[in-house]
Amino acid sequence: MFKLVTLALAALALASAQSSDGPFDPTDWPVFVSTPLPTPGGSNVDRECGGDLANLWLDVVVVVDNSKGMTDEGITQVAANIATVFGNGTKIGNQYSDPRSTRIGLVTYNGVATVVADLNLLQSIDDLYSKVFSTLTGVSNSDDSFLVKGIGAAESVLQNGRAQGVRSNYKRLVVVYASAYKGEGELDPIPAAERLKSSGVIISTVAFDQDGDEALLAGLANIASPNYAYTSKDLNLVGEIQGAALQTNCFCPNLWTQYKANFDDENSYKYGVCIRAATISSSWTAAKFACQNLAKNGFLATEFDGQKHNFLFRVAQNNTAFAAPYIYHIGLSWVNGAWNWQQPAGLPLRPNSNYAPWNPSYPKSSSSNIGVLEQQFSSDLTVGWQNINAYSVAEYYMCEVASCDTEKYCP
C-alpha cells in the first residue's frame, strides 16, 4: 500500500512539474550544444552583498594618530572623514529595536594610547559628531607615533565590548588613520595586527601621506587586511571605507561557504551568497525540500555562469566527503516547458539563460528526467550538467542561501 501511495504522489508531482500547456513533449526541449567551461569572470547575476549603510551592523573601533606628524590640519580632516563615513544614516549605538546598528569606539595614540570612547559610550550620530570634533581638534605635543599602542588599545576595546557574549554575532572592523609607521621589537605593530586579523577582525588603514612616504604606505599595507589599505589622497576615500564596512558586514553562517569571484583567493570579491554541500545522498526532489529546511529561504544552488559553476565544483573538491567521479544535484529542473532555477520558497523560479554546460548527449528526452545534477564526465577535473530522474537518483547536493548583511540580520 505504501508503495502504491508513493508512486501515486510521484506521478502527481511529475505532472505538476511539466508544462502547464499540456503533457510533456520531447520536441519542446531546446537544442543545446555542449560547451567548454568558461573561465572565471563571466557575467554575474548572483545576489550582491547588501549596500544599505542605514542598516550597517558592526562593532567598529577608529584609531587615530594624534602625534605631531599628523598636523592640526590633518587631524581636522580625519575628524570630518570619520563623521562622513559613519554619518550617512547609520544607526550609532545599540539602543534600537532594529538590531542592525553599529557601535563605534574611538582611540587616539602617539607614544601612548588613549581610549576616548568605548563601544557603549556613543549612542547616536550626535554623540559621534560631538566626541569626534571635540577630541580631534589638534595634535598632541608628542613626536612619537607608535601604532602598536593604538592597535593594542583597539583590541582591548573590542574585547571589553564583547563581555558576556554581547553582540558576539557582529563582525568587527578597525579603521586606522596614521601619519607614520614606526616600531621594532616590542613596538612592532605587526604581531598585534596579525592577532586581531586571526580572530576575524578586519583592519582598514588610511595613510595620511603628506610627503610620499613609501615606508608608511608599505608598512600600513602590511597592517591592513588585503585590499583595505588606503591613503588620505584617495579621491573616493569615504566610499572606500564605507565599502570596506559593507564587505565586512557581508558574511556567511557557520558551515556555509561564501561565494567569491575566485574560490582559491580568500580575498577576492565577495557576493551576497552562501553555499553548503550536503553530503547525505538524496533524490533531486528530496534535496530541493532539504535545502529549504536547512536554512530559512534556502534553495538548491544556482549556476548562472561559468564562474559560479567552477566555484561549486571547487566546493565539492575541497570537501573530503566527495570523491571522483564528482556528482551533485543543483537547482535546475524542467518546469512549465523550460529549464528553470530554484529560488527561495514563494518566489518565482528564474529561467535559465544561455549558459548551458551540458555533458555530451544531454539533455535526454524523458518525462521523468526533470532534475539536473553535475557529473564528472571524464578523467579531466571538470563537471557538466546531466538531467536525471528527480525521484530515484540519489546523490549529494549543493544548497544556497543569501548572506548575512545589511539586508539580512543573522542572530
Protein backbone atom coordinates (compact mmCIF):
# COMPACT_ATOMS: atom_id res chain seq x y z
CA MET A 1 0.00 0.00 0.00
CA PHE A 2 2.82 2.41 0.92
CA LYS A 3 4.50 1.78 -2.44
CA LEU A 4 1.26 2.49 -4.33
CA VAL A 5 0.75 5.76 -2.46
CA THR A 6 4.35 6.77 -3.11
CA LEU A 7 4.04 6.04 -6.83
CA ALA A 8 0.81 7.98 -7.00
CA LEU A 9 2.36 11.00 -5.28
CA ALA A 10 5.38 10.85 -7.58
CA ALA A 11 3.16 10.74 -10.65
CA LEU A 12 1.17 13.71 -9.39
CA ALA A 13 4.34 15.70 -8.67
CA LEU A 14 5.76 14.91 -12.09
CA ALA A 15 2.57 16.04 -13.75
CA SER A 16 2.64 19.35 -11.87
CA ALA A 17 6.29 19.89 -12.83
CA GLN A 18 5.55 19.58 -16.54
CA SER A 19 4.25 22.23 -18.86
CA SER A 20 1.04 23.87 -17.86
CA ASP A 21 0.24 23.96 -21.58
CA GLY A 22 -0.14 20.20 -21.91
CA PRO A 23 1.66 16.87 -21.49
CA PHE A 24 5.42 16.54 -21.80
CA ASP A 25 6.59 16.71 -25.39
CA PRO A 26 10.25 15.95 -26.21
CA THR A 27 10.04 18.34 -29.16
CA ASP A 28 9.64 21.17 -26.65
CA TRP A 29 13.22 20.66 -25.49
CA PRO A 30 15.65 23.28 -26.76
CA VAL A 31 18.70 22.05 -28.61
CA PHE A 32 21.92 22.52 -26.61
CA VAL A 33 25.49 22.20 -27.74
CA SER A 34 27.92 21.04 -25.07
CA THR A 35 30.25 23.96 -24.38
CA PRO A 36 33.63 24.11 -22.65
CA LEU A 37 33.73 25.59 -19.17
CA PRO A 38 34.10 29.38 -19.33
CA THR A 39 36.94 30.94 -17.42
CA PRO A 40 36.04 32.71 -14.15
CA GLY A 41 34.77 36.23 -14.54
CA GLY A 42 31.71 35.71 -16.71
CA SER A 43 28.64 37.89 -16.42
CA ASN A 44 27.16 37.62 -12.96
CA VAL A 45 23.55 37.85 -11.90
CA ASP A 46 24.00 36.47 -8.40
CA ARG A 47 22.99 38.41 -5.33
CA GLU A 48 25.35 41.20 -4.29
CA CYS A 49 26.17 41.99 -0.67
CA GLY A 50 23.73 44.41 0.95
CA GLY A 51 24.68 48.05 0.46
CA ASP A 52 22.36 49.97 2.80
CA LEU A 53 24.53 51.97 5.20
CA ALA A 54 21.44 52.78 7.29
CA ASN A 55 21.30 49.08 8.21
CA LEU A 56 25.01 48.53 8.83
CA TRP A 57 25.52 46.26 11.86
CA LEU A 58 29.12 46.15 13.05
CA ASP A 59 31.36 46.88 16.00
CA VAL A 60 33.94 49.44 14.85
CA VAL A 61 36.97 50.96 16.56
CA VAL A 62 38.51 54.03 14.91
CA VAL A 63 42.19 54.52 15.76
CA VAL A 64 43.69 57.97 15.12
CA ASP A 65 47.34 59.02 15.25
CA ASN A 66 47.44 62.39 17.04
CA SER A 67 51.22 62.81 17.07
CA LYS A 68 52.76 66.00 15.68
CA GLY A 69 53.27 64.31 12.33
CA MET A 70 49.52 64.25 11.72
CA THR A 71 49.37 68.11 11.93
CA ASP A 72 46.41 70.13 13.18
CA GLU A 73 45.05 70.48 9.67
CA GLY A 74 45.38 66.76 9.05
CA ILE A 75 43.63 65.67 12.23
CA THR A 76 40.76 68.05 11.48
CA GLN A 77 40.38 66.42 8.08
CA VAL A 78 40.41 63.00 9.73
CA ALA A 79 37.58 64.08 12.05
CA ALA A 80 35.49 65.20 9.08
CA ASN A 81 36.22 61.95 7.25
CA ILE A 82 35.13 59.79 10.21
CA ALA A 83 31.90 61.74 10.64
CA THR A 84 31.13 61.47 6.93
CA VAL A 85 31.86 57.73 6.69
CA PHE A 86 29.51 56.81 9.53
CA GLY A 87 27.08 59.72 9.26
CA ASN A 88 25.16 58.51 6.21
CA GLY A 89 22.13 57.24 8.11
CA THR A 90 23.97 54.53 10.06
CA LYS A 91 22.32 53.86 13.42
CA ILE A 92 25.02 54.56 16.03
CA GLY A 93 24.86 52.66 19.31
CA ASN A 94 22.75 49.71 20.37
CA GLN A 95 19.56 51.21 21.78
CA TYR A 96 17.31 50.46 18.82
CA SER A 97 14.51 47.98 18.22
CA ASP A 98 16.23 47.04 14.96
CA PRO A 99 19.38 45.04 15.81
CA ARG A 100 21.09 46.37 12.68
CA SER A 101 23.09 49.10 14.36
CA THR A 102 26.77 49.98 14.67
CA ARG A 103 28.74 50.64 17.83
CA ILE A 104 31.78 52.88 17.35
CA GLY A 105 34.74 53.22 19.69
CA LEU A 106 37.46 55.86 19.37
CA VAL A 107 41.16 55.57 20.26
CA THR A 108 43.95 58.12 19.84
CA TYR A 109 47.63 57.34 20.08
CA ASN A 110 51.12 58.85 19.93
CA GLY A 111 53.73 57.45 22.32
CA VAL A 112 50.81 56.09 24.34
CA ALA A 113 47.19 55.29 23.56
CA THR A 114 44.02 56.84 24.97
CA VAL A 115 40.59 55.24 24.81
CA VAL A 116 38.35 58.22 24.07
CA ALA A 117 35.15 56.19 23.70
CA ASP A 118 34.44 52.53 24.36
CA LEU A 119 31.82 50.67 22.33
CA ASN A 120 28.95 51.66 24.63
CA LEU A 121 29.52 55.40 25.01
CA LEU A 122 28.27 56.75 21.68
CA GLN A 123 24.54 56.16 21.25
CA SER A 124 23.60 58.48 18.38
CA ILE A 125 25.04 60.30 15.41
CA ASP A 126 25.02 63.46 17.54
CA ASP A 127 27.17 61.67 20.12
CA LEU A 128 29.59 60.68 17.37
CA TYR A 129 29.88 64.20 15.97
CA SER A 130 30.30 65.71 19.42
CA LYS A 131 33.01 63.30 20.53
CA VAL A 132 34.94 63.30 17.25
CA PHE A 133 35.02 67.06 16.79
CA SER A 134 35.75 67.82 20.46
CA THR A 135 38.59 65.29 20.60
CA LEU A 136 40.26 65.65 17.21
CA THR A 137 40.76 69.41 17.36
CA GLY A 138 44.54 69.37 17.25
CA VAL A 139 47.56 67.14 17.62
CA SER A 140 49.36 66.29 20.85
CA ASN A 141 52.80 67.53 21.88
CA SER A 142 54.38 64.14 21.18
CA ASP A 143 56.66 63.34 18.26
CA ASP A 144 56.25 59.62 18.92
CA SER A 145 53.81 57.65 16.79
CA PHE A 146 53.70 54.02 17.86
CA LEU A 147 50.91 52.25 16.02
CA VAL A 148 51.24 49.18 18.23
CA LYS A 149 49.85 51.26 21.10
CA GLY A 150 46.77 52.22 19.10
CA ILE A 151 46.14 48.69 17.84
CA GLY A 152 46.59 47.26 21.33
CA ALA A 153 44.05 49.72 22.73
CA ALA A 154 41.61 48.86 19.93
CA GLU A 155 41.98 45.18 20.77
CA SER A 156 41.09 45.90 24.41
CA VAL A 157 38.06 47.97 23.38
CA LEU A 158 36.79 45.14 21.19
CA GLN A 159 37.36 42.52 23.89
CA ASN A 160 35.65 44.58 26.59
CA GLY A 161 32.75 45.25 24.23
CA ARG A 162 32.15 41.51 23.92
CA ALA A 163 31.94 40.87 27.67
CA GLN A 164 29.44 38.12 28.50
CA GLY A 165 28.88 37.40 24.81
CA VAL A 166 27.34 40.77 23.95
CA ARG A 167 26.86 41.11 20.17
CA SER A 168 29.01 38.04 19.56
CA ASN A 169 27.35 37.58 16.16
CA TYR A 170 28.50 41.01 14.91
CA LYS A 171 31.56 41.37 12.70
CA ARG A 172 34.32 43.75 13.81
CA LEU A 173 36.24 46.43 11.94
CA VAL A 174 39.21 48.57 12.97
CA VAL A 175 39.92 51.73 10.94
CA VAL A 176 43.40 53.22 11.44
CA TYR A 177 44.47 56.75 10.46
CA ALA A 178 48.27 57.02 10.69
CA SER A 179 50.92 59.60 9.77
CA ALA A 180 53.94 57.40 10.45
CA TYR A 181 55.00 53.79 10.65
CA LYS A 182 57.50 53.16 13.43
CA GLY A 183 58.42 50.41 15.79
CA GLU A 184 60.73 47.47 16.23
CA GLY A 185 60.81 44.68 18.77
CA GLU A 186 58.10 45.29 21.35
CA LEU A 187 56.93 48.33 19.38
CA ASP A 188 56.44 46.37 16.15
CA PRO A 189 52.71 46.67 15.30
CA ILE A 190 52.55 43.64 13.02
CA PRO A 191 52.13 40.93 15.71
CA ALA A 192 49.25 42.85 17.30
CA ALA A 193 47.63 43.39 13.91
CA GLU A 194 48.01 39.73 12.97
CA ARG A 195 46.48 38.71 16.28
CA LEU A 196 43.43 40.84 15.54
CA LYS A 197 43.09 39.58 11.98
CA SER A 198 43.45 35.95 13.05
CA SER A 199 40.49 36.46 15.40
CA GLY A 200 38.32 37.60 12.49
CA VAL A 201 38.74 41.37 12.82
CA ILE A 202 39.08 43.32 9.57
CA ILE A 203 41.63 46.15 9.61
CA SER A 204 41.43 49.09 7.23
CA THR A 205 44.25 51.66 7.18
CA VAL A 206 44.44 55.23 5.92
CA ALA A 207 47.94 56.61 5.39
CA PHE A 208 47.97 60.35 6.00
CA ASP A 209 50.63 60.70 3.35
CA GLN A 210 51.92 64.26 3.15
CA ASP A 211 55.33 63.68 1.60
CA GLY A 212 55.01 60.48 -0.42
CA ASP A 213 56.41 58.35 2.41
CA GLU A 214 56.79 54.93 0.77
CA ALA A 215 57.74 53.28 4.07
CA LEU A 216 54.45 54.48 5.59
CA LEU A 217 52.43 53.12 2.68
CA ALA A 218 54.24 49.78 2.68
CA GLY A 219 54.04 49.41 6.45
CA LEU A 220 50.32 50.13 6.64
CA ALA A 221 49.67 47.76 3.75
CA ASN A 222 51.13 45.00 5.94
CA ILE A 223 48.89 46.03 8.82
CA ALA A 224 45.69 46.19 6.77
CA SER A 225 43.57 43.27 5.70
CA PRO A 226 44.15 42.59 1.97
CA ASN A 227 42.65 45.26 -0.32
CA TYR A 228 41.81 47.58 2.59
CA ALA A 229 44.87 49.89 2.68
CA TYR A 230 44.07 53.44 1.54
CA THR A 231 45.65 56.89 1.56
CA SER A 232 44.30 60.31 2.52
CA LYS A 233 44.80 61.38 -1.09
CA ASP A 234 42.34 58.83 -2.49
CA LEU A 235 39.60 60.72 -4.30
CA ASN A 236 36.89 58.38 -3.02
CA LEU A 237 38.24 57.70 0.46
CA VAL A 238 34.79 57.90 2.07
CA GLY A 239 33.39 55.39 -0.42
CA GLU A 240 36.37 53.07 0.05
CA ILE A 241 35.98 52.91 3.83
CA GLN A 242 32.21 52.53 3.55
CA GLY A 243 32.80 49.73 1.04
CA ALA A 244 35.16 48.02 3.47
CA ALA A 245 32.48 48.28 6.16
CA LEU A 246 29.81 46.81 3.88
CA GLN A 247 32.07 43.94 2.81
CA THR A 248 32.94 43.27 6.47
CA ASN A 249 29.21 43.17 7.20
CA CYS A 250 28.69 40.56 4.45
CA PHE A 251 29.38 37.04 5.69
CA CYS A 252 28.01 33.52 5.93
CA PRO A 253 26.85 31.48 8.93
CA ASN A 254 28.98 28.64 10.24
CA LEU A 255 29.22 25.62 7.90
CA TRP A 256 28.41 27.79 4.86
CA THR A 257 30.97 28.98 2.28
CA GLN A 258 30.69 32.49 0.88
CA TYR A 259 30.59 32.70 -2.90
CA LYS A 260 33.60 34.66 -4.15
CA ALA A 261 34.95 35.59 -7.56
CA ASN A 262 37.72 33.04 -7.04
CA PHE A 263 37.39 30.12 -4.62
CA ASP A 264 41.15 29.87 -4.17
CA ASP A 265 41.61 33.56 -3.35
CA GLU A 266 40.17 34.25 0.09
CA ASN A 267 40.41 37.98 -0.56
CA SER A 268 38.64 38.05 -3.92
CA TYR A 269 35.35 39.91 -4.31
CA LYS A 270 32.53 38.50 -2.17
CA TYR A 271 28.92 38.08 -3.25
CA GLY A 272 25.85 38.01 -1.04
CA VAL A 273 25.53 34.25 -1.50
CA CYS A 274 26.37 31.32 0.78
CA ILE A 275 26.89 27.73 -0.38
CA ARG A 276 26.74 24.49 1.59
CA ALA A 277 27.44 20.99 0.34
CA ALA A 278 25.01 18.44 1.77
CA THR A 279 26.73 15.07 1.95
CA ILE A 280 23.83 12.70 2.57
CA SER A 281 22.59 11.19 -0.69
CA SER A 282 19.10 12.30 -1.69
CA SER A 283 16.96 12.45 -4.78
CA TRP A 284 16.73 15.79 -6.59
CA THR A 285 13.21 16.42 -5.27
CA ALA A 286 14.14 15.49 -1.70
CA ALA A 287 17.23 17.71 -1.96
CA LYS A 288 15.04 20.62 -3.04
CA PHE A 289 12.97 20.38 0.14
CA ALA A 290 16.02 19.66 2.30
CA CYS A 291 17.70 22.91 1.19
CA GLN A 292 14.53 24.82 2.04
CA ASN A 293 14.63 23.36 5.56
CA LEU A 294 18.39 23.62 6.04
CA ALA A 295 18.20 27.42 6.23
CA LYS A 296 15.41 29.97 6.09
CA ASN A 297 14.92 30.91 2.42
CA GLY A 298 17.43 28.25 1.36
CA PHE A 299 17.21 26.51 -2.02
CA LEU A 300 19.13 24.19 -4.35
CA ALA A 301 22.08 26.14 -5.71
CA THR A 302 22.09 28.06 -8.98
CA GLU A 303 24.77 28.26 -11.66
CA PHE A 304 24.11 31.30 -13.78
CA ASP A 305 27.58 31.39 -15.31
CA GLY A 306 30.94 29.67 -15.52
CA GLN A 307 32.33 31.49 -12.51
CA LYS A 308 29.61 30.10 -10.22
CA HIS A 309 29.83 26.68 -11.91
CA ASN A 310 33.56 26.49 -11.20
CA PHE A 311 33.09 27.73 -7.64
CA LEU A 312 30.61 24.97 -6.75
CA PHE A 313 32.97 22.39 -8.21
CA ARG A 314 35.79 23.73 -6.02
CA VAL A 315 33.47 23.47 -3.00
CA ALA A 316 32.99 19.79 -3.83
CA GLN A 317 36.70 19.21 -4.43
CA ASN A 318 37.55 20.72 -1.05
CA ASN A 319 35.06 18.58 0.86
CA THR A 320 36.55 15.24 1.91
CA ALA A 321 33.14 13.55 1.69
CA PHE A 322 33.30 13.87 -2.10
CA ALA A 323 35.39 11.63 -4.33
CA ALA A 324 35.83 11.23 -8.07
CA PRO A 325 33.74 10.97 -10.10
CA TYR A 326 32.21 14.14 -8.67
CA ILE A 327 28.40 14.18 -8.75
CA TYR A 328 25.95 16.53 -7.02
CA HIS A 329 22.46 17.93 -7.56
CA ILE A 330 22.00 21.60 -8.49
CA GLY A 331 18.84 23.68 -8.60
CA LEU A 332 17.98 23.37 -12.30
CA SER A 333 14.87 21.49 -13.42
CA TRP A 334 12.42 21.20 -16.30
CA VAL A 335 9.30 23.10 -15.21
CA ASN A 336 6.47 24.54 -17.31
CA GLY A 337 8.15 23.69 -20.59
CA ALA A 338 11.55 25.23 -19.85
CA TRP A 339 14.67 24.89 -17.74
CA ASN A 340 14.30 26.96 -14.58
CA TRP A 341 16.39 27.63 -11.48
CA GLN A 342 15.18 27.19 -7.92
CA GLN A 343 14.68 30.29 -5.77
CA PRO A 344 13.58 30.81 -2.14
CA ALA A 345 10.18 29.28 -1.44
CA GLY A 346 7.40 31.63 -2.51
CA LEU A 347 9.45 33.42 -5.16
CA PRO A 348 9.12 32.68 -8.89
CA LEU A 349 11.63 30.36 -10.49
CA ARG A 350 14.30 32.01 -12.62
CA PRO A 351 14.62 30.90 -16.27
CA ASN A 352 18.00 29.59 -17.35
CA SER A 353 19.90 31.89 -19.70
CA ASN A 354 22.29 30.95 -22.48
CA TYR A 355 24.79 29.32 -20.14
CA ALA A 356 24.32 25.55 -20.52
CA PRO A 357 27.37 23.29 -19.95
CA TRP A 358 25.59 20.01 -20.71
CA ASN A 359 27.64 16.85 -20.92
CA PRO A 360 27.68 15.19 -24.38
CA SER A 361 24.31 13.64 -25.37
CA TYR A 362 22.46 15.65 -22.72
CA PRO A 363 19.78 16.74 -22.03
CA LYS A 364 17.93 13.49 -22.67
CA SER A 365 14.26 13.50 -23.62
CA SER A 366 12.33 11.77 -20.85
CA SER A 367 9.25 12.79 -18.92
CA SER A 368 10.85 11.69 -15.64
CA ASN A 369 14.33 13.18 -16.15
CA ILE A 370 13.42 16.66 -14.98
CA GLY A 371 16.13 17.22 -12.35
CA VAL A 372 19.72 18.23 -13.12
CA LEU A 373 22.97 17.24 -11.48
CA GLU A 374 26.64 17.91 -12.07
CA GLN A 375 28.53 14.85 -13.27
CA GLN A 376 32.24 14.45 -13.87
CA PHE A 377 32.26 13.26 -17.47
CA SER A 378 35.87 12.17 -17.97
CA SER A 379 39.18 11.89 -16.18
CA ASP A 380 39.55 15.65 -16.63
CA LEU A 381 38.66 17.52 -13.46
CA THR A 382 35.58 19.14 -14.96
CA VAL A 383 31.88 18.56 -14.48
CA GLY A 384 28.86 19.12 -16.70
CA TRP A 385 25.09 19.02 -16.46
CA GLN A 386 23.03 15.85 -16.83
CA ASN A 387 19.28 15.59 -16.43
CA ILE A 388 18.15 12.68 -14.30
CA ASN A 389 15.08 11.15 -12.69
CA ALA A 390 14.14 13.62 -9.97
CA TYR A 391 12.81 10.92 -7.64
CA SER A 392 15.12 7.93 -7.94
CA VAL A 393 18.70 9.18 -8.49
CA ALA A 394 20.27 9.79 -5.07
CA GLU A 395 23.39 11.99 -4.86
CA TYR A 396 24.93 14.71 -2.71
CA TYR A 397 23.67 18.24 -3.38
CA MET A 398 24.52 21.95 -3.12
CA CYS A 399 22.33 24.37 -1.16
CA GLU A 400 22.32 28.16 -1.39
CA VAL A 401 21.08 30.99 0.83
CA ALA A 402 21.52 34.76 0.99
CA SER A 403 24.42 36.02 3.09
CA CYS A 404 24.14 37.90 6.36
CA ASP A 405 24.46 41.60 5.51
CA THR A 406 22.67 44.93 5.75
CA GLU A 407 19.58 43.39 4.12
CA LYS A 408 19.55 40.29 6.31
CA TYR A 409 20.28 40.20 10.03
CA CYS A 410 21.57 36.87 11.36
CA PRO A 411 21.08 36.31 15.12
